[in-house]
């Protein structure tokens, strides 16, 4: 895949976080522990960029948002003891 210098230097025109209600509750109120070993997990904020929006992420009320370069944030959780990596969805939907 060819590396596009213009894309890299372009500023983001919008951003997005996406949580289900269960994931949002987990994010705000739960203390994540590793399902395998029980160690406290380390949360890391990550992102990826897209040209245009991902379907279902912006509603009609936000139709005026410029989606030339959108930054999508997501969270991962890593166990410092066993090295396992989890998404917020995996943790929110597991029985802890």
Protein backbone atom coordinates (compact mmCIF):
# COMPACT_ATOMS: atom_id res chain seq x y z
CA UNK A 1 0.00 0.00 0.00
CA UNK A 2 1.41 3.38 -1.00
CA UNK A 3 2.13 5.83 1.80
CA UNK A 4 0.31 9.14 1.29
CA UNK A 5 2.24 12.14 2.67
CA UNK A 6 -0.76 14.48 2.29
CA UNK A 7 -2.93 12.13 4.38
CA UNK A 8 -0.38 12.03 7.21
CA UNK A 9 -0.04 15.81 7.39
CA UNK A 10 -3.79 16.42 7.15
CA UNK A 11 -5.47 17.43 10.43
CA UNK A 12 -8.37 15.39 11.74
CA UNK A 13 -11.73 17.03 11.03
CA UNK A 14 -13.80 14.92 13.45
CA UNK A 15 -13.47 12.30 16.16
CA UNK A 16 -15.64 9.51 17.52
CA UNK A 17 -15.96 7.30 20.59
CA UNK A 18 -18.32 4.35 20.37
CA UNK A 19 -19.66 2.51 23.44
CA UNK A 20 -22.66 0.32 24.05
CA UNK A 21 -24.43 1.17 27.33
CA UNK A 22 -22.85 -1.90 28.95
CA UNK A 23 -19.37 -0.89 27.75
CA UNK A 24 -19.87 2.70 28.93
CA UNK A 25 -20.92 1.50 32.40
CA UNK A 26 -17.86 -0.77 32.51
CA UNK A 27 -15.60 2.11 31.41
CA UNK A 28 -16.92 4.46 34.10
CA UNK A 29 -17.50 2.23 37.11
CA UNK A 30 -15.69 -1.12 36.91
CA UNK A 31 -12.14 -1.87 38.01
CA UNK A 32 -10.95 -4.22 35.27
CA UNK A 33 -9.20 -7.40 36.34
CA UNK A 34 -7.66 -10.04 34.09
CA UNK A 35 -10.10 -12.93 33.55
CA UNK A 36 -7.16 -15.37 33.47
CA UNK A 37 -5.04 -14.36 36.46
CA UNK A 38 -7.02 -11.69 38.35
CA UNK A 39 -4.35 -8.97 38.04
CA UNK A 40 -5.43 -5.32 37.63
CA UNK A 41 -5.47 -4.40 33.92
CA UNK A 42 -3.81 -1.36 32.38
CA UNK A 43 -6.08 0.73 30.12
CA UNK A 44 -4.66 2.26 26.95
CA UNK A 45 -6.40 4.74 24.65
CA UNK A 46 -5.75 4.01 20.98
CA UNK A 47 -7.10 5.30 17.68
CA UNK A 48 -7.27 4.75 13.96
CA UNK A 49 -8.10 7.23 11.20
CA UNK A 50 -10.41 6.86 8.22
CA UNK A 51 -11.39 8.89 5.21
CA UNK A 52 -15.13 9.34 5.69
CA UNK A 53 -17.26 7.97 8.45
CA UNK A 54 -17.87 4.38 9.40
CA UNK A 55 -21.54 3.52 8.78
CA UNK A 56 -23.73 4.09 11.84
CA UNK A 57 -21.29 6.33 13.72
CA UNK A 58 -22.70 9.78 12.98
CA UNK A 59 -26.39 10.54 13.24
CA UNK A 60 -28.39 12.95 11.10
CA UNK A 61 -28.10 15.66 13.78
CA UNK A 62 -24.37 15.64 13.13
CA UNK A 63 -24.65 15.61 9.36
CA UNK A 64 -22.76 18.90 9.14
CA UNK A 65 -19.61 17.32 10.59
CA UNK A 66 -16.78 17.29 8.07
CA UNK A 67 -15.65 13.69 7.69
CA UNK A 68 -12.54 14.21 5.56
CA UNK A 69 -10.34 12.55 8.21
CA UNK A 70 -12.04 11.01 11.22
CA UNK A 71 -10.17 9.83 14.32
CA UNK A 72 -11.88 6.83 15.98
CA UNK A 73 -10.82 6.23 19.58
CA UNK A 74 -11.03 2.87 21.32
CA UNK A 75 -9.65 1.35 24.52
CA UNK A 76 -7.63 -1.80 25.09
CA UNK A 77 -6.74 -3.41 28.38
CA UNK A 78 -3.48 -5.29 28.98
CA UNK A 79 -2.48 -7.53 31.86
CA UNK A 80 1.02 -6.71 33.15
CA UNK A 81 1.35 -10.18 34.69
CA UNK A 82 0.33 -12.59 31.90
CA UNK A 83 0.44 -10.21 28.91
CA UNK A 84 -3.10 -10.88 27.68
CA UNK A 85 -4.82 -8.06 25.78
CA UNK A 86 -8.59 -7.42 25.86
CA UNK A 87 -11.04 -5.05 24.23
CA UNK A 88 -13.58 -3.18 26.33
CA UNK A 89 -16.30 -5.22 24.63
CA UNK A 90 -14.74 -8.52 25.72
CA UNK A 91 -14.46 -7.36 29.32
CA UNK A 92 -17.87 -5.70 29.55
CA UNK A 93 -19.58 -8.82 28.22
CA UNK A 94 -17.67 -11.31 30.40
CA UNK A 95 -18.83 -12.29 33.87
CA UNK A 96 -16.42 -10.72 36.33
